[in-house]
């Protein structure tokens, strides 16, 4: 994130909403999530801003979750672009590049099966997970009913969004 785009708690609380939208969309591509987060300013501290993110994620509609999913590549696909969100996605999924050909192929096949089953991209918090863990989760989640899986997608999106907001609010980022 460029220095003039650095997100601090002070900037989050005081900057005009239009100056923050692009930075916040790097955390979550849902306009409704961005609107909710901005609507509840000011935040007393970093923890309150992160809790606000979690609350906003719980409040958005399924269509807004779908909008957010459109900002995520398949597990194993390299995010295109130079934006912060693409860079973060590449870093979060970096371990997949080191996976064996067999695991990478199983992830590709699993992604396609998931998309046929649920009509959306498979979303998982990749940060801190091995490719094999992601594959195991993908396989497990293929057997879930639609309602259970929709809730799991929302939870994974909440985790990803929270990690990205934490990162955006980090003084070293």
C-alpha atoms as a PDB file:
ATOM      1  CA  UNK A   1       0.000   0.000   0.000  1.00  0.00           C
ATOM      2  CA  UNK A   2       1.535   3.368  -0.957  1.00  0.00           C
ATOM      3  CA  UNK A   3       2.486   5.656   1.915  1.00  0.00           C
ATOM      4  CA  UNK A   4      -0.227   8.172   0.983  1.00  0.00           C
ATOM      5  CA  UNK A   5      -2.735   5.307   1.200  1.00  0.00           C
ATOM      6  CA  UNK A   6      -1.456   4.052   4.579  1.00  0.00           C
ATOM      7  CA  UNK A   7      -4.409   3.217   6.741  1.00  0.00           C
ATOM      8  CA  UNK A   8      -4.025   4.281  10.329  1.00  0.00           C
ATOM      9  CA  UNK A   9      -6.750   4.305  12.942  1.00  0.00           C
ATOM     10  CA  UNK A  10      -6.672   8.096  12.799  1.00  0.00           C
ATOM     11  CA  UNK A  11      -7.114   8.088   9.018  1.00  0.00           C
ATOM     12  CA  UNK A  12      -9.856   5.446   9.202  1.00  0.00           C
ATOM     13  CA  UNK A  13     -11.727   7.592  11.716  1.00  0.00           C
ATOM     14  CA  UNK A  14     -11.250  11.001  10.103  1.00  0.00           C
ATOM     15  CA  UNK A  15     -10.642  10.776   6.345  1.00  0.00           C
ATOM     16  CA  UNK A  16     -13.541  11.357   3.974  1.00  0.00           C
ATOM     17  CA  UNK A  17     -15.165   8.061   3.024  1.00  0.00           C
ATOM     18  CA  UNK A  18     -14.281   8.432  -0.653  1.00  0.00           C
ATOM     19  CA  UNK A  19     -10.578   8.604   0.237  1.00  0.00           C
ATOM     20  CA  UNK A  20     -10.810   5.275   2.087  1.00  0.00           C
ATOM     21  CA  UNK A  21     -12.949   3.141  -0.220  1.00  0.00           C
ATOM     22  CA  UNK A  22     -10.149   1.812  -2.447  1.00  0.00           C
ATOM     23  CA  UNK A  23      -7.964   0.968   0.536  1.00  0.00           C
ATOM     24  CA  UNK A  24     -10.820  -0.805   2.324  1.00  0.00           C
ATOM     25  CA  UNK A  25     -11.878  -2.665  -0.835  1.00  0.00           C
ATOM     26  CA  UNK A  26      -8.412  -4.274  -0.793  1.00  0.00           C
ATOM     27  CA  UNK A  27      -9.525  -5.849   2.490  1.00  0.00           C
ATOM     28  CA  UNK A  28     -12.961  -6.873   1.191  1.00  0.00           C
ATOM     29  CA  UNK A  29     -14.481  -6.245  -2.234  1.00  0.00           C
ATOM     30  CA  UNK A  30     -17.995  -5.864  -0.827  1.00  0.00           C
ATOM     31  CA  UNK A  31     -19.273  -2.285  -1.084  1.00  0.00           C
ATOM     32  CA  UNK A  32     -21.755  -3.048   1.697  1.00  0.00           C
ATOM     33  CA  UNK A  33     -18.953  -4.145   4.044  1.00  0.00           C
ATOM     34  CA  UNK A  34     -17.022  -0.944   3.256  1.00  0.00           C
ATOM     35  CA  UNK A  35     -20.160   1.159   3.838  1.00  0.00           C
ATOM     36  CA  UNK A  36     -20.879  -0.593   7.162  1.00  0.00           C
ATOM     37  CA  UNK A  37     -17.313  -0.171   8.389  1.00  0.00           C
ATOM     38  CA  UNK A  38     -17.315   3.523   7.480  1.00  0.00           C
ATOM     39  CA  UNK A  39     -20.785   4.132   8.943  1.00  0.00           C
ATOM     40  CA  UNK A  40     -19.715   3.035  12.419  1.00  0.00           C
ATOM     41  CA  UNK A  41     -16.747   5.391  12.750  1.00  0.00           C
ATOM     42  CA  UNK A  42     -15.065   6.539  14.875  1.00  0.00           C
ATOM     43  CA  UNK A  43     -13.416   3.500  16.413  1.00  0.00           C
ATOM     44  CA  UNK A  44     -11.899   3.873  19.871  1.00  0.00           C
ATOM     45  CA  UNK A  45      -8.917   1.688  19.012  1.00  0.00           C
ATOM     46  CA  UNK A  46      -7.625  -0.909  16.591  1.00  0.00           C
ATOM     47  CA  UNK A  47      -9.478  -3.728  18.362  1.00  0.00           C
ATOM     48  CA  UNK A  48     -12.761  -1.833  17.977  1.00  0.00           C
ATOM     49  CA  UNK A  49     -12.117  -1.353  14.249  1.00  0.00           C
ATOM     50  CA  UNK A  50     -11.449  -5.093  13.857  1.00  0.00           C
ATOM     51  CA  UNK A  51     -14.607  -5.913  15.826  1.00  0.00           C
ATOM     52  CA  UNK A  52     -16.454  -3.475  13.579  1.00  0.00           C
ATOM     53  CA  UNK A  53     -15.182  -5.422  10.574  1.00  0.00           C
ATOM     54  CA  UNK A  54     -16.500  -8.671  12.044  1.00  0.00           C
ATOM     55  CA  UNK A  55     -19.874  -7.083  12.789  1.00  0.00           C
ATOM     56  CA  UNK A  56     -20.105  -5.601   9.306  1.00  0.00           C
ATOM     57  CA  UNK A  57     -19.367  -8.995   7.780  1.00  0.00           C
ATOM     58  CA  UNK A  58     -22.204 -10.510   9.772  1.00  0.00           C
ATOM     59  CA  UNK A  59     -24.590  -7.787   8.634  1.00  0.00           C
ATOM     60  CA  UNK A  60     -24.068  -7.911   4.871  1.00  0.00           C
ATOM     61  CA  UNK A  61     -26.473  -9.774   2.591  1.00  0.00           C
ATOM     62  CA  UNK A  62     -25.638 -12.895   0.606  1.00  0.00           C
ATOM     63  CA  UNK A  63     -25.438 -10.810  -2.582  1.00  0.00           C
ATOM     64  CA  UNK A  64     -22.756  -8.693  -0.890  1.00  0.00           C
ATOM     65  CA  UNK A  65     -20.832 -11.851   0.011  1.00  0.00           C
ATOM     66  CA  UNK A  66     -21.043 -12.822  -3.656  1.00  0.00           C
ATOM     67  CA  UNK A  67     -19.640  -9.409  -4.615  1.00  0.00           C
ATOM     68  CA  UNK A  68     -16.742  -9.976  -2.222  1.00  0.00           C
ATOM     69  CA  UNK A  69     -16.105 -13.447  -3.661  1.00  0.00           C
ATOM     70  CA  UNK A  70     -15.718 -11.940  -7.121  1.00  0.00           C
ATOM     71  CA  UNK A  71     -12.546 -10.307  -5.775  1.00  0.00           C
ATOM     72  CA  UNK A  72     -10.921 -13.652  -4.941  1.00  0.00           C
ATOM     73  CA  UNK A  73      -9.120 -15.974  -7.366  1.00  0.00           C
ATOM     74  CA  UNK A  74      -9.367 -19.728  -7.163  1.00  0.00           C
ATOM     75  CA  UNK A  75      -7.028 -21.418  -4.729  1.00  0.00           C
ATOM     76  CA  UNK A  76      -3.914 -22.101  -6.766  1.00  0.00           C
ATOM     77  CA  UNK A  77      -4.560 -19.380  -9.341  1.00  0.00           C
ATOM     78  CA  UNK A  78      -2.273 -16.385  -9.292  1.00  0.00           C
ATOM     79  CA  UNK A  79      -4.134 -13.129  -8.686  1.00  0.00           C
ATOM     80  CA  UNK A  80      -3.591 -10.716 -11.546  1.00  0.00           C
ATOM     81  CA  UNK A  81      -2.904  -7.035 -11.178  1.00  0.00           C
ATOM     82  CA  UNK A  82      -0.729  -4.700  -9.203  1.00  0.00           C
ATOM     83  CA  UNK A  83      -3.273  -3.674  -6.576  1.00  0.00           C
ATOM     84  CA  UNK A  84      -2.885  -4.308  -2.876  1.00  0.00           C
ATOM     85  CA  UNK A  85      -5.614  -6.956  -2.899  1.00  0.00           C
ATOM     86  CA  UNK A  86      -3.894  -8.911  -5.709  1.00  0.00           C
ATOM     87  CA  UNK A  87      -0.524  -8.681  -3.946  1.00  0.00           C
ATOM     88  CA  UNK A  88      -2.028  -9.876  -0.668  1.00  0.00           C
ATOM     89  CA  UNK A  89      -3.802 -12.749  -2.406  1.00  0.00           C
ATOM     90  CA  UNK A  90      -0.554 -13.890  -4.027  1.00  0.00           C
ATOM     91  CA  UNK A  91       1.205 -13.765  -0.650  1.00  0.00           C
ATOM     92  CA  UNK A  92      -1.634 -15.585   1.133  1.00  0.00           C
ATOM     93  CA  UNK A  93      -1.586 -18.385  -1.436  1.00  0.00           C
ATOM     94  CA  UNK A  94       2.196 -18.556  -1.859  1.00  0.00           C
ATOM     95  CA  UNK A  95       2.424 -22.035  -0.344  1.00  0.00           C
ATOM     96  CA  UNK A  96       0.391 -23.527  -3.207  1.00  0.00           C
ATOM     97  CA  UNK A  97       3.194 -22.779  -5.660  1.00  0.00           C
ATOM     98  CA  UNK A  98       5.459 -25.085  -3.640  1.00  0.00           C
ATOM     99  CA  UNK A  99       2.949 -27.943  -3.600  1.00  0.00           C
ATOM    100  CA  UNK A 100       3.600 -31.031  -5.657  1.00  0.00           C
ATOM    101  CA  UNK A 101       2.011 -31.420  -9.070  1.00  0.00           C
ATOM    102  CA  UNK A 102      -0.447 -33.986  -7.683  1.00  0.00           C
ATOM    103  CA  UNK A 103      -1.764 -31.636  -4.977  1.00  0.00           C
ATOM    104  CA  UNK A 104      -1.962 -28.734  -7.419  1.00  0.00           C
ATOM    105  CA  UNK A 105      -3.970 -30.862  -9.863  1.00  0.00           C
ATOM    106  CA  UNK A 106      -6.278 -32.037  -7.067  1.00  0.00           C
ATOM    107  CA  UNK A 107      -6.846 -28.407  -6.069  1.00  0.00           C
ATOM    108  CA  UNK A 108      -7.667 -27.480  -9.686  1.00  0.00           C
ATOM    109  CA  UNK A 109     -10.071 -30.406  -9.988  1.00  0.00           C
ATOM    110  CA  UNK A 110     -11.582 -29.676  -6.589  1.00  0.00           C
ATOM    111  CA  UNK A 111     -12.105 -26.012  -7.464  1.00  0.00           C
ATOM    112  CA  UNK A 112     -14.056 -27.037 -10.560  1.00  0.00           C
ATOM    113  CA  UNK A 113     -16.144 -29.553  -8.611  1.00  0.00           C
ATOM    114  CA  UNK A 114     -16.877 -26.944  -5.970  1.00  0.00           C
ATOM    115  CA  UNK A 115     -17.911 -24.365  -8.567  1.00  0.00           C
ATOM    116  CA  UNK A 116     -20.254 -26.861 -10.222  1.00  0.00           C
ATOM    117  CA  UNK A 117     -21.707 -27.828  -6.845  1.00  0.00           C
ATOM    118  CA  UNK A 118     -22.118 -24.357  -5.290  1.00  0.00           C
ATOM    119  CA  UNK A 119     -21.906 -21.964  -8.269  1.00  0.00           C
ATOM    120  CA  UNK A 120     -19.197 -19.817  -6.680  1.00  0.00           C
ATOM    121  CA  UNK A 121     -15.453 -19.847  -6.128  1.00  0.00           C
ATOM    122  CA  UNK A 122     -14.129 -21.961  -3.258  1.00  0.00           C
ATOM    123  CA  UNK A 123     -13.021 -19.551  -0.559  1.00  0.00           C
ATOM    124  CA  UNK A 124     -10.716 -20.419   2.298  1.00  0.00           C
ATOM    125  CA  UNK A 125      -8.343 -18.426   4.459  1.00  0.00           C
ATOM    126  CA  UNK A 126      -5.134 -19.594   2.818  1.00  0.00           C
ATOM    127  CA  UNK A 127      -2.807 -17.650   5.118  1.00  0.00           C
ATOM    128  CA  UNK A 128      -1.185 -20.066   7.546  1.00  0.00           C
ATOM    129  CA  UNK A 129      -2.496 -23.177   5.801  1.00  0.00           C
ATOM    130  CA  UNK A 130      -0.573 -25.734   3.791  1.00  0.00           C
ATOM    131  CA  UNK A 131      -1.808 -26.753   0.341  1.00  0.00           C
ATOM    132  CA  UNK A 132      -2.715 -30.176   1.752  1.00  0.00           C
ATOM    133  CA  UNK A 133      -4.808 -28.555   4.514  1.00  0.00           C
ATOM    134  CA  UNK A 134      -6.642 -26.476   1.899  1.00  0.00           C
ATOM    135  CA  UNK A 135      -7.253 -29.576  -0.200  1.00  0.00           C
ATOM    136  CA  UNK A 136      -8.579 -31.470   2.825  1.00  0.00           C
ATOM    137  CA  UNK A 137     -10.956 -28.605   3.617  1.00  0.00           C
ATOM    138  CA  UNK A 138     -12.075 -28.369  -0.005  1.00  0.00           C
ATOM    139  CA  UNK A 139     -12.862 -32.080  -0.070  1.00  0.00           C
ATOM    140  CA  UNK A 140     -14.740 -31.882   3.250  1.00  0.00           C
ATOM    141  CA  UNK A 141     -16.760 -28.863   2.211  1.00  0.00           C
ATOM    142  CA  UNK A 142     -17.909 -30.433  -1.051  1.00  0.00           C
ATOM    143  CA  UNK A 143     -20.184 -32.686   1.043  1.00  0.00           C
ATOM    144  CA  UNK A 144     -21.888 -29.869   2.940  1.00  0.00           C
ATOM    145  CA  UNK A 145     -25.415 -28.714   2.273  1.00  0.00           C
ATOM    146  CA  UNK A 146     -25.882 -25.268   0.727  1.00  0.00           C
ATOM    147  CA  UNK A 147     -26.867 -23.492   3.946  1.00  0.00           C
ATOM    148  CA  UNK A 148     -23.941 -24.879   5.942  1.00  0.00           C
ATOM    149  CA  UNK A 149     -21.516 -24.064   3.161  1.00  0.00           C
ATOM    150  CA  UNK A 150     -22.882 -20.525   2.776  1.00  0.00           C
ATOM    151  CA  UNK A 151     -22.195 -19.968   6.499  1.00  0.00           C
ATOM    152  CA  UNK A 152     -18.694 -21.404   6.119  1.00  0.00           C
ATOM    153  CA  UNK A 153     -17.975 -19.126   3.155  1.00  0.00           C
ATOM    154  CA  UNK A 154     -19.075 -16.125   5.210  1.00  0.00           C
ATOM    155  CA  UNK A 155     -16.790 -17.197   8.087  1.00  0.00           C
ATOM    156  CA  UNK A 156     -13.811 -17.678   5.778  1.00  0.00           C
ATOM    157  CA  UNK A 157     -14.473 -14.266   4.233  1.00  0.00           C
ATOM    158  CA  UNK A 158     -14.667 -12.751   7.727  1.00  0.00           C
ATOM    159  CA  UNK A 159     -11.288 -14.264   8.621  1.00  0.00           C
ATOM    160  CA  UNK A 160      -9.639 -13.094   5.394  1.00  0.00           C
ATOM    161  CA  UNK A 161     -11.109  -9.614   5.732  1.00  0.00           C
ATOM    162  CA  UNK A 162     -10.019  -9.326   9.359  1.00  0.00           C
ATOM    163  CA  UNK A 163      -6.462 -10.430   8.532  1.00  0.00           C
ATOM    164  CA  UNK A 164      -6.288  -7.924   5.699  1.00  0.00           C
ATOM    165  CA  UNK A 165      -7.671  -5.088   7.821  1.00  0.00           C
ATOM    166  CA  UNK A 166      -5.170  -5.941  10.557  1.00  0.00           C
ATOM    167  CA  UNK A 167      -2.456  -5.803   7.949  1.00  0.00           C
ATOM    168  CA  UNK A 168      -3.728  -2.526   6.500  1.00  0.00           C
ATOM    169  CA  UNK A 169      -3.784  -0.966   9.961  1.00  0.00           C
ATOM    170  CA  UNK A 170      -0.270  -2.224  10.694  1.00  0.00           C
ATOM    171  CA  UNK A 171       2.299   0.576  10.982  1.00  0.00           C
ATOM    172  CA  UNK A 172       4.858  -1.522   9.071  1.00  0.00           C
ATOM    173  CA  UNK A 173       2.649  -2.304   6.053  1.00  0.00           C
END
